[in-house]
Protein backbone atom coordinates (compact mmCIF):
# COMPACT_ATOMS: atom_id res chain seq x y z
CA UNK A 1 0.00 0.00 0.00
CA UNK A 2 1.27 3.47 -0.94
CA UNK A 3 1.21 6.13 1.75
CA UNK A 4 -0.86 9.18 0.86
CA UNK A 5 0.24 12.64 1.85
CA UNK A 6 -2.35 15.33 2.51
CA UNK A 7 -1.57 18.55 0.66
CA UNK A 8 -3.09 21.70 2.16
CA UNK A 9 -5.39 23.76 -0.05
CA UNK A 10 -3.84 26.84 -1.60
CA UNK A 11 -6.76 29.07 -0.72
CA UNK A 12 -8.29 31.70 -2.97
CA UNK A 13 -6.20 34.53 -4.36
CA UNK A 14 -8.72 37.06 -5.63
CA UNK A 15 -8.45 39.70 -8.30
CA UNK A 16 -11.05 42.30 -9.28
CA UNK A 17 -12.50 41.64 -12.75
CA UNK A 18 -15.09 43.34 -14.97
CA UNK A 19 -15.21 46.63 -13.04
CA UNK A 20 -16.72 49.53 -14.99
CA UNK A 21 -16.83 53.16 -13.85
CA UNK A 22 -20.25 54.81 -14.21
CA UNK A 23 -20.64 57.74 -16.58
CA UNK A 24 -23.22 60.50 -16.79
CA UNK A 25 -25.58 58.31 -18.82
CA UNK A 26 -24.37 54.70 -18.34
CA UNK A 27 -24.41 52.54 -15.20
CA UNK A 28 -21.15 51.08 -13.90
CA UNK A 29 -20.22 47.86 -12.09
CA UNK A 30 -18.13 47.37 -8.95
CA UNK A 31 -16.53 44.25 -10.40
CA UNK A 32 -16.37 40.60 -9.40
CA UNK A 33 -13.77 39.09 -7.07
CA UNK A 34 -12.45 36.10 -9.02
CA UNK A 35 -9.91 33.57 -7.75
CA UNK A 36 -6.81 33.62 -9.95
CA UNK A 37 -5.98 30.05 -8.86
CA UNK A 38 -9.23 28.21 -9.65
CA UNK A 39 -11.35 30.79 -11.53
CA UNK A 40 -14.22 30.72 -9.01
CA UNK A 41 -16.23 33.92 -8.57
CA UNK A 42 -15.74 34.51 -4.84
CA UNK A 43 -18.08 37.50 -4.67
CA UNK A 44 -20.20 39.12 -7.31
CA UNK A 45 -20.15 42.87 -7.85
CA UNK A 46 -23.02 45.34 -7.89
CA UNK A 47 -24.40 47.79 -10.41
CA UNK A 48 -23.54 51.44 -9.81
CA UNK A 49 -26.13 54.00 -10.94
CA UNK A 50 -25.19 56.46 -13.67
CA UNK A 51 -23.95 59.69 -12.12
CA UNK A 52 -26.15 62.03 -14.17
CA UNK A 53 -24.91 65.20 -15.79
CA UNK A 54 -23.43 67.98 -13.65
CA UNK A 55 -24.09 71.11 -15.64
CA UNK A 56 -22.36 74.39 -15.08
CA UNK A 57 -24.25 76.75 -17.31
CA UNK A 58 -24.84 74.90 -20.58
CA UNK A 59 -22.02 72.34 -20.32
CA UNK A 60 -21.63 69.16 -18.26
CA UNK A 61 -18.37 69.42 -16.32
CA UNK A 62 -17.88 65.62 -16.51
CA UNK A 63 -18.52 64.69 -20.14
CA UNK A 64 -18.83 67.98 -22.03
CA UNK A 65 -22.45 67.41 -23.10
CA UNK A 66 -24.31 70.63 -23.76
CA UNK A 67 -27.90 71.66 -23.22
CA UNK A 68 -30.01 74.29 -24.91
CA UNK A 69 -30.83 77.69 -23.44
CA UNK A 70 -34.43 76.49 -23.02
CA UNK A 71 -33.22 73.57 -20.91
CA UNK A 72 -31.11 75.93 -18.77
CA UNK A 73 -34.14 78.17 -18.14
CA UNK A 74 -36.42 75.17 -17.54
CA UNK A 75 -33.92 73.82 -14.99
CA UNK A 76 -33.72 77.17 -13.24
CA UNK A 77 -37.52 77.38 -12.94
CA UNK A 78 -37.66 73.81 -11.61
CA UNK A 79 -35.04 74.71 -8.98
CA UNK A 80 -37.10 77.76 -7.94
CA UNK A 81 -40.30 75.68 -7.79
CA UNK A 82 -38.59 72.99 -5.67
CA UNK A 83 -37.26 75.71 -3.34
CA UNK A 84 -40.72 77.22 -2.78
CA UNK A 85 -42.35 73.79 -2.44
CA UNK A 86 -39.93 73.04 0.41
CA UNK A 87 -40.57 76.39 2.09
CA UNK A 88 -44.36 76.00 1.92
CA UNK A 89 -44.34 72.30 2.79
CA UNK A 90 -45.63 71.00 -0.54
CA UNK A 91 -42.99 68.27 -0.79
């Protein structure tokens, strides 16, 4: 009979895979932790919501998208409406 030797497991060595940064209009992904030894997905990532545009005037400071003057004015009126709704308790 041949003696058998027990070899200890190597354990998982994880690496982050498939991570995607969110943009103004597209969702991102935190990425999966995948073992580089056996390929097992140790933990699955999560979706990250799109960040939305951050306009300064007519231009988004993140992606450079532009909006029309009408959209700027419409946004300003919505901000004013939201402000007064909060003051008068209509929210």
